[in-house]
Amino acid sequence: MRGKFAGMAAFGAVMAIAPSAQAGVDEIHVGAMQHNICVTDCKNANKEDGPNVEFQVSFDSPGFLDWAGSPQPYLMASANTQGDTSFGGFGLEWHWEFAEGWAIEPGFGYVMHDGATNNPFANGTPEAAAFAEENVLLGSEDLFRTSLGLSRDLPGPWEAEVFFEHLSHGQILGEGRNQGMDQAGIRLGYKFGE
């Protein structure tokens, strides 16, 4: 229940900001992400469930970011449909076309989540073992979000994208565990002014 509430609150915040900033909004993405997948370290991939429904609003790149390759600032929210870890945040995303109608979109940002940070039970107890079996222990409420998308232009203002994201604090923002979490899925984008 806590995850659904936090996810809905984050989505509401993104949707409330988007209309008031429409002049600067470049794209809106909606996607379905498989939650907590196995990529390189699979020992935690069987914990938590999904999918996550994800929303992102990307804004026009401001001139002061030209030196960095003109990344687009974004706001995003990811709501877990099973009440597990939901998150929301902001960051920068680049758009590099490598062929007509195709682009690579790497990104880097910051998110806050409502999942577990550490085990609340004493080490070695049955309660601690049961909690660790069901929860990814992220170690901090503050996480970095690195992402990579492969997008394809569709007719009109639409685009489709295969998308991957990794959440972790890298032992920089928090103390304790840093199990991290990966998600992958598809997003549909709408580009304003097309």
C-alpha atoms as a PDB file:
ATOM      1  CA  MET A   1       0.000   0.000   0.000  1.00  0.00           C
ATOM      2  CA  ARG A   2       2.845   2.361   0.893  1.00  0.00           C
ATOM      3  CA  GLY A   3       4.448   1.810  -2.542  1.00  0.00           C
ATOM      4  CA  LYS A   4       1.220   2.501  -4.398  1.00  0.00           C
ATOM      5  CA  PHE A   5       0.649   5.717  -2.434  1.00  0.00           C
ATOM      6  CA  ALA A   6       4.198   6.977  -3.020  1.00  0.00           C
ATOM      7  CA  GLY A   7       4.059   6.084  -6.703  1.00  0.00           C
ATOM      8  CA  MET A   8       0.759   7.857  -7.179  1.00  0.00           C
ATOM      9  CA  ALA A   9       2.050  10.907  -5.294  1.00  0.00           C
ATOM     10  CA  ALA A  10       5.155  11.065  -7.503  1.00  0.00           C
ATOM     11  CA  PHE A  11       3.050  10.655 -10.652  1.00  0.00           C
ATOM     12  CA  GLY A  12       0.689  13.402  -9.469  1.00  0.00           C
ATOM     13  CA  ALA A  13       3.608  15.752  -8.894  1.00  0.00           C
ATOM     14  CA  VAL A  14       4.990  15.144 -12.388  1.00  0.00           C
ATOM     15  CA  MET A  15       1.580  15.609 -14.012  1.00  0.00           C
ATOM     16  CA  ALA A  16       0.922  18.792 -12.004  1.00  0.00           C
ATOM     17  CA  ILE A  17       4.194  20.330 -13.150  1.00  0.00           C
ATOM     18  CA  ALA A  18       3.867  19.347 -16.825  1.00  0.00           C
ATOM     19  CA  PRO A  19       0.905  21.547 -17.880  1.00  0.00           C
ATOM     20  CA  SER A  20       2.271  24.659 -16.187  1.00  0.00           C
ATOM     21  CA  ALA A  21       5.599  24.208 -17.946  1.00  0.00           C
ATOM     22  CA  GLN A  22       4.176  23.094 -21.300  1.00  0.00           C
ATOM     23  CA  ALA A  23       6.023  25.820 -23.212  1.00  0.00           C
ATOM     24  CA  GLY A  24       9.297  24.171 -22.117  1.00  0.00           C
ATOM     25  CA  VAL A  25       8.119  20.552 -22.324  1.00  0.00           C
ATOM     26  CA  ASP A  26       9.760  18.685 -25.189  1.00  0.00           C
ATOM     27  CA  GLU A  27       8.573  15.082 -24.658  1.00  0.00           C
ATOM     28  CA  ILE A  28       6.426  12.908 -22.446  1.00  0.00           C
ATOM     29  CA  HIS A  29       7.166   9.183 -22.041  1.00  0.00           C
ATOM     30  CA  VAL A  30       4.937   6.457 -20.594  1.00  0.00           C
ATOM     31  CA  GLY A  31       6.272   2.950 -20.154  1.00  0.00           C
ATOM     32  CA  ALA A  32       5.982  -0.481 -18.586  1.00  0.00           C
ATOM     33  CA  MET A  33       9.128  -1.717 -16.871  1.00  0.00           C
ATOM     34  CA  GLN A  34       9.939  -5.218 -15.650  1.00  0.00           C
ATOM     35  CA  HIS A  35      10.915  -4.622 -12.026  1.00  0.00           C
ATOM     36  CA  ASN A  36      14.159  -5.871 -10.451  1.00  0.00           C
ATOM     37  CA  ILE A  37      15.511  -7.926 -13.359  1.00  0.00           C
ATOM     38  CA  CYS A  38      18.705 -10.012 -13.524  1.00  0.00           C
ATOM     39  CA  VAL A  39      21.463  -8.269 -15.494  1.00  0.00           C
ATOM     40  CA  THR A  40      24.902  -8.968 -14.012  1.00  0.00           C
ATOM     41  CA  ASP A  41      24.348  -9.844 -10.326  1.00  0.00           C
ATOM     42  CA  CYS A  42      21.280 -12.061 -10.095  1.00  0.00           C
ATOM     43  CA  LYS A  43      21.226 -12.938  -6.381  1.00  0.00           C
ATOM     44  CA  ASN A  44      18.565 -10.281  -5.649  1.00  0.00           C
ATOM     45  CA  ALA A  45      16.567 -10.515  -8.884  1.00  0.00           C
ATOM     46  CA  ASN A  46      14.005 -12.909  -7.408  1.00  0.00           C
ATOM     47  CA  LYS A  47      13.000 -10.343  -4.774  1.00  0.00           C
ATOM     48  CA  GLU A  48      10.111  -7.937  -5.296  1.00  0.00           C
ATOM     49  CA  ASP A  49       7.625  -8.043  -8.124  1.00  0.00           C
ATOM     50  CA  GLY A  50       6.300  -5.856 -10.873  1.00  0.00           C
ATOM     51  CA  PRO A  51       5.817  -4.407 -13.328  1.00  0.00           C
ATOM     52  CA  ASN A  52       6.412  -0.717 -12.717  1.00  0.00           C
ATOM     53  CA  VAL A  53       4.451   1.888 -14.680  1.00  0.00           C
ATOM     54  CA  GLU A  54       6.755   4.769 -15.512  1.00  0.00           C
ATOM     55  CA  PHE A  55       6.144   8.388 -16.514  1.00  0.00           C
ATOM     56  CA  GLN A  56       8.719  10.943 -17.621  1.00  0.00           C
ATOM     57  CA  VAL A  57       8.458  14.571 -18.699  1.00  0.00           C
ATOM     58  CA  SER A  58      11.520  15.888 -20.579  1.00  0.00           C
ATOM     59  CA  PHE A  59      12.104  19.607 -21.003  1.00  0.00           C
ATOM     60  CA  ASP A  60      13.922  21.664 -23.653  1.00  0.00           C
ATOM     61  CA  SER A  61      17.660  21.760 -23.018  1.00  0.00           C
ATOM     62  CA  PRO A  62      18.632  25.134 -21.522  1.00  0.00           C
ATOM     63  CA  GLY A  63      21.415  27.072 -23.215  1.00  0.00           C
ATOM     64  CA  PHE A  64      23.753  26.844 -20.229  1.00  0.00           C
ATOM     65  CA  LEU A  65      24.012  23.058 -20.822  1.00  0.00           C
ATOM     66  CA  ASP A  66      25.305  23.418 -24.413  1.00  0.00           C
ATOM     67  CA  TRP A  67      28.836  22.672 -23.194  1.00  0.00           C
ATOM     68  CA  ALA A  68      27.637  19.251 -21.961  1.00  0.00           C
ATOM     69  CA  GLY A  69      26.062  18.158 -25.251  1.00  0.00           C
ATOM     70  CA  SER A  70      22.644  19.782 -24.627  1.00  0.00           C
ATOM     71  CA  PRO A  71      21.048  17.210 -22.329  1.00  0.00           C
ATOM     72  CA  GLN A  72      17.338  17.532 -21.539  1.00  0.00           C
ATOM     73  CA  PRO A  73      16.310  17.921 -17.892  1.00  0.00           C
ATOM     74  CA  TYR A  74      13.581  15.473 -16.864  1.00  0.00           C
ATOM     75  CA  LEU A  75      11.180  14.669 -14.037  1.00  0.00           C
ATOM     76  CA  MET A  76      10.077  11.065 -13.633  1.00  0.00           C
ATOM     77  CA  ALA A  77       7.980   8.725 -11.491  1.00  0.00           C
ATOM     78  CA  SER A  78       7.902   4.922 -11.426  1.00  0.00           C
ATOM     79  CA  ALA A  79       4.992   3.234  -9.605  1.00  0.00           C
ATOM     80  CA  ASN A  80       5.219  -0.449  -8.714  1.00  0.00           C
ATOM     81  CA  THR A  81       1.935  -2.231  -9.394  1.00  0.00           C
ATOM     82  CA  GLN A  82       2.486  -4.813  -6.616  1.00  0.00           C
ATOM     83  CA  GLY A  83       3.247  -2.368  -3.785  1.00  0.00           C
ATOM     84  CA  ASP A  84       7.020  -2.954  -3.871  1.00  0.00           C
ATOM     85  CA  THR A  85       9.645  -0.263  -4.545  1.00  0.00           C
ATOM     86  CA  SER A  86       8.360   2.870  -6.302  1.00  0.00           C
ATOM     87  CA  PHE A  87      10.523   5.914  -6.956  1.00  0.00           C
ATOM     88  CA  GLY A  88      10.600   9.398  -8.449  1.00  0.00           C
ATOM     89  CA  GLY A  89      13.213  11.992  -9.259  1.00  0.00           C
ATOM     90  CA  PHE A  90      14.960  14.175 -11.794  1.00  0.00           C
ATOM     91  CA  GLY A  91      18.027  14.191 -14.012  1.00  0.00           C
ATOM     92  CA  LEU A  92      19.497  14.791 -17.447  1.00  0.00           C
ATOM     93  CA  GLU A  93      19.045  12.724 -20.614  1.00  0.00           C
ATOM     94  CA  TRP A  94      20.944  13.041 -23.899  1.00  0.00           C
ATOM     95  CA  HIS A  95      19.620  12.279 -27.394  1.00  0.00           C
ATOM     96  CA  TRP A  96      22.209  11.116 -29.937  1.00  0.00           C
ATOM     97  CA  GLU A  97      20.936  10.159 -33.390  1.00  0.00           C
ATOM     98  CA  PHE A  98      23.104   7.501 -35.035  1.00  0.00           C
ATOM     99  CA  ALA A  99      20.904   6.772 -38.092  1.00  0.00           C
ATOM    100  CA  GLU A 100      17.790   8.320 -39.555  1.00  0.00           C
ATOM    101  CA  GLY A 101      14.951   7.773 -37.103  1.00  0.00           C
ATOM    102  CA  TRP A 102      17.167   5.985 -34.547  1.00  0.00           C
ATOM    103  CA  ALA A 103      18.772   7.410 -31.395  1.00  0.00           C
ATOM    104  CA  ILE A 104      20.651   6.359 -28.277  1.00  0.00           C
ATOM    105  CA  GLU A 105      19.469   8.135 -25.104  1.00  0.00           C
ATOM    106  CA  PRO A 106      21.775   7.809 -22.073  1.00  0.00           C
ATOM    107  CA  GLY A 107      20.778   9.507 -18.840  1.00  0.00           C
ATOM    108  CA  PHE A 108      21.881  10.222 -15.292  1.00  0.00           C
ATOM    109  CA  GLY A 109      19.748  11.382 -12.385  1.00  0.00           C
ATOM    110  CA  TYR A 110      18.732  11.260  -8.742  1.00  0.00           C
ATOM    111  CA  VAL A 111      15.702   9.489  -7.267  1.00  0.00           C
ATOM    112  CA  MET A 112      14.109   8.838  -3.900  1.00  0.00           C
ATOM    113  CA  HIS A 113      12.251   5.572  -3.260  1.00  0.00           C
ATOM    114  CA  ASP A 114       9.907   3.968  -0.751  1.00  0.00           C
ATOM    115  CA  GLY A 115      11.570   0.526  -0.668  1.00  0.00           C
ATOM    116  CA  ALA A 116      13.698  -1.079   2.050  1.00  0.00           C
ATOM    117  CA  THR A 117      17.039   0.476   2.917  1.00  0.00           C
ATOM    118  CA  ASN A 118      18.279  -1.935   5.594  1.00  0.00           C
ATOM    119  CA  ASN A 119      16.993  -4.949   7.474  1.00  0.00           C
ATOM    120  CA  PRO A 120      15.066  -3.813  10.580  1.00  0.00           C
ATOM    121  CA  PHE A 121      15.554  -7.163  12.354  1.00  0.00           C
ATOM    122  CA  ALA A 122      18.565  -8.430  14.302  1.00  0.00           C
ATOM    123  CA  ASN A 123      21.129 -10.413  12.274  1.00  0.00           C
ATOM    124  CA  GLY A 124      20.704 -14.169  12.466  1.00  0.00           C
ATOM    125  CA  THR A 125      17.028 -14.123  13.446  1.00  0.00           C
ATOM    126  CA  PRO A 126      14.335 -15.877  11.394  1.00  0.00           C
ATOM    127  CA  GLU A 127      12.621 -12.503  10.932  1.00  0.00           C
ATOM    128  CA  ALA A 128      15.795 -10.993   9.438  1.00  0.00           C
ATOM    129  CA  ALA A 129      16.187 -13.935   7.037  1.00  0.00           C
ATOM    130  CA  ALA A 130      12.553 -13.711   5.929  1.00  0.00           C
ATOM    131  CA  PHE A 131      12.786  -9.934   5.402  1.00  0.00           C
ATOM    132  CA  ALA A 132      16.025 -10.279   3.380  1.00  0.00           C
ATOM    133  CA  GLU A 133      14.410 -12.955   1.190  1.00  0.00           C
ATOM    134  CA  GLU A 134      11.595 -10.627   0.120  1.00  0.00           C
ATOM    135  CA  ASN A 135      13.204  -7.177  -0.032  1.00  0.00           C
ATOM    136  CA  VAL A 136      16.019  -5.565  -1.985  1.00  0.00           C
ATOM    137  CA  LEU A 137      18.067  -3.686   0.631  1.00  0.00           C
ATOM    138  CA  LEU A 138      18.999  -0.464  -1.145  1.00  0.00           C
ATOM    139  CA  GLY A 139      20.946   1.072   1.765  1.00  0.00           C
ATOM    140  CA  SER A 140      19.768   4.646   1.240  1.00  0.00           C
ATOM    141  CA  GLU A 141      16.552   6.475   0.373  1.00  0.00           C
ATOM    142  CA  ASP A 142      18.639   8.530  -2.077  1.00  0.00           C
ATOM    143  CA  LEU A 143      19.796   6.727  -5.224  1.00  0.00           C
ATOM    144  CA  PHE A 144      21.446   7.515  -8.528  1.00  0.00           C
ATOM    145  CA  ARG A 145      19.529   6.523 -11.658  1.00  0.00           C
ATOM    146  CA  THR A 146      21.578   5.661 -14.733  1.00  0.00           C
ATOM    147  CA  SER A 147      19.630   4.835 -17.871  1.00  0.00           C
ATOM    148  CA  LEU A 148      20.008   3.916 -21.504  1.00  0.00           C
ATOM    149  CA  GLY A 149      17.352   3.976 -24.194  1.00  0.00           C
ATOM    150  CA  LEU A 150      17.235   2.947 -27.851  1.00  0.00           C
ATOM    151  CA  SER A 151      14.515   4.966 -29.578  1.00  0.00           C
ATOM    152  CA  ARG A 152      12.856   4.707 -32.963  1.00  0.00           C
ATOM    153  CA  ASP A 153      10.803   7.507 -34.495  1.00  0.00           C
ATOM    154  CA  LEU A 154       7.253   6.564 -35.417  1.00  0.00           C
ATOM    155  CA  PRO A 155       4.877   8.478 -37.727  1.00  0.00           C
ATOM    156  CA  GLY A 156       3.923  11.921 -36.456  1.00  0.00           C
ATOM    157  CA  PRO A 157       5.067  13.042 -33.005  1.00  0.00           C
ATOM    158  CA  TRP A 158       5.487   9.517 -31.609  1.00  0.00           C
ATOM    159  CA  GLU A 159       8.502   7.384 -30.769  1.00  0.00           C
ATOM    160  CA  ALA A 160       8.998   3.914 -29.302  1.00  0.00           C
ATOM    161  CA  GLU A 161      11.887   3.075 -27.012  1.00  0.00           C
ATOM    162  CA  VAL A 162      13.520   0.059 -25.415  1.00  0.00           C
ATOM    163  CA  PHE A 163      14.711   1.322 -22.036  1.00  0.00           C
ATOM    164  CA  PHE A 164      17.008   0.147 -19.219  1.00  0.00           C
ATOM    165  CA  GLU A 165      17.678   1.781 -15.859  1.00  0.00           C
ATOM    166  CA  HIS A 166      19.872   0.992 -12.865  1.00  0.00           C
ATOM    167  CA  LEU A 167      19.286   2.343  -9.349  1.00  0.00           C
ATOM    168  CA  SER A 168      22.126   2.420  -6.827  1.00  0.00           C
ATOM    169  CA  HIS A 169      23.843   4.742  -4.374  1.00  0.00           C
ATOM    170  CA  GLY A 170      27.312   3.336  -5.065  1.00  0.00           C
ATOM    171  CA  GLN A 171      28.347   3.743  -1.393  1.00  0.00           C
ATOM    172  CA  ILE A 172      28.383   7.521  -2.011  1.00  0.00           C
ATOM    173  CA  LEU A 173      25.001   8.706  -0.686  1.00  0.00           C
ATOM    174  CA  GLY A 174      24.253   6.210   2.051  1.00  0.00           C
ATOM    175  CA  GLU A 175      25.676   3.796   4.538  1.00  0.00           C
ATOM    176  CA  GLY A 176      25.057   0.085   4.687  1.00  0.00           C
ATOM    177  CA  ARG A 177      23.821  -2.202   1.956  1.00  0.00           C
ATOM    178  CA  ASN A 178      23.884  -1.270  -1.692  1.00  0.00           C
ATOM    179  CA  GLN A 179      22.157  -4.129  -3.479  1.00  0.00           C
ATOM    180  CA  GLY A 180      20.942  -1.920  -6.342  1.00  0.00           C
ATOM    181  CA  MET A 181      18.082  -2.604  -8.715  1.00  0.00           C
ATOM    182  CA  ASP A 182      17.684  -2.906 -12.493  1.00  0.00           C
ATOM    183  CA  GLN A 183      14.576  -2.420 -14.622  1.00  0.00           C
ATOM    184  CA  ALA A 184      13.992  -2.793 -18.345  1.00  0.00           C
ATOM    185  CA  GLY A 185      11.000  -2.296 -20.572  1.00  0.00           C
ATOM    186  CA  ILE A 186       9.404  -0.273 -23.317  1.00  0.00           C
ATOM    187  CA  ARG A 187       8.284   3.334 -23.426  1.00  0.00           C
ATOM    188  CA  LEU A 188       6.086   5.286 -25.815  1.00  0.00           C
ATOM    189  CA  GLY A 189       7.018   8.917 -26.305  1.00  0.00           C
ATOM    190  CA  TYR A 190       5.116  11.953 -27.573  1.00  0.00           C
ATOM    191  CA  LYS A 191       7.207  14.855 -28.894  1.00  0.00           C
ATOM    192  CA  PHE A 192       5.683  18.316 -28.753  1.00  0.00           C
ATOM    193  CA  GLY A 193       6.111  20.585 -31.772  1.00  0.00           C
ATOM    194  CA  GLU A 194       6.466  17.720 -34.264  1.00  0.00           C
END
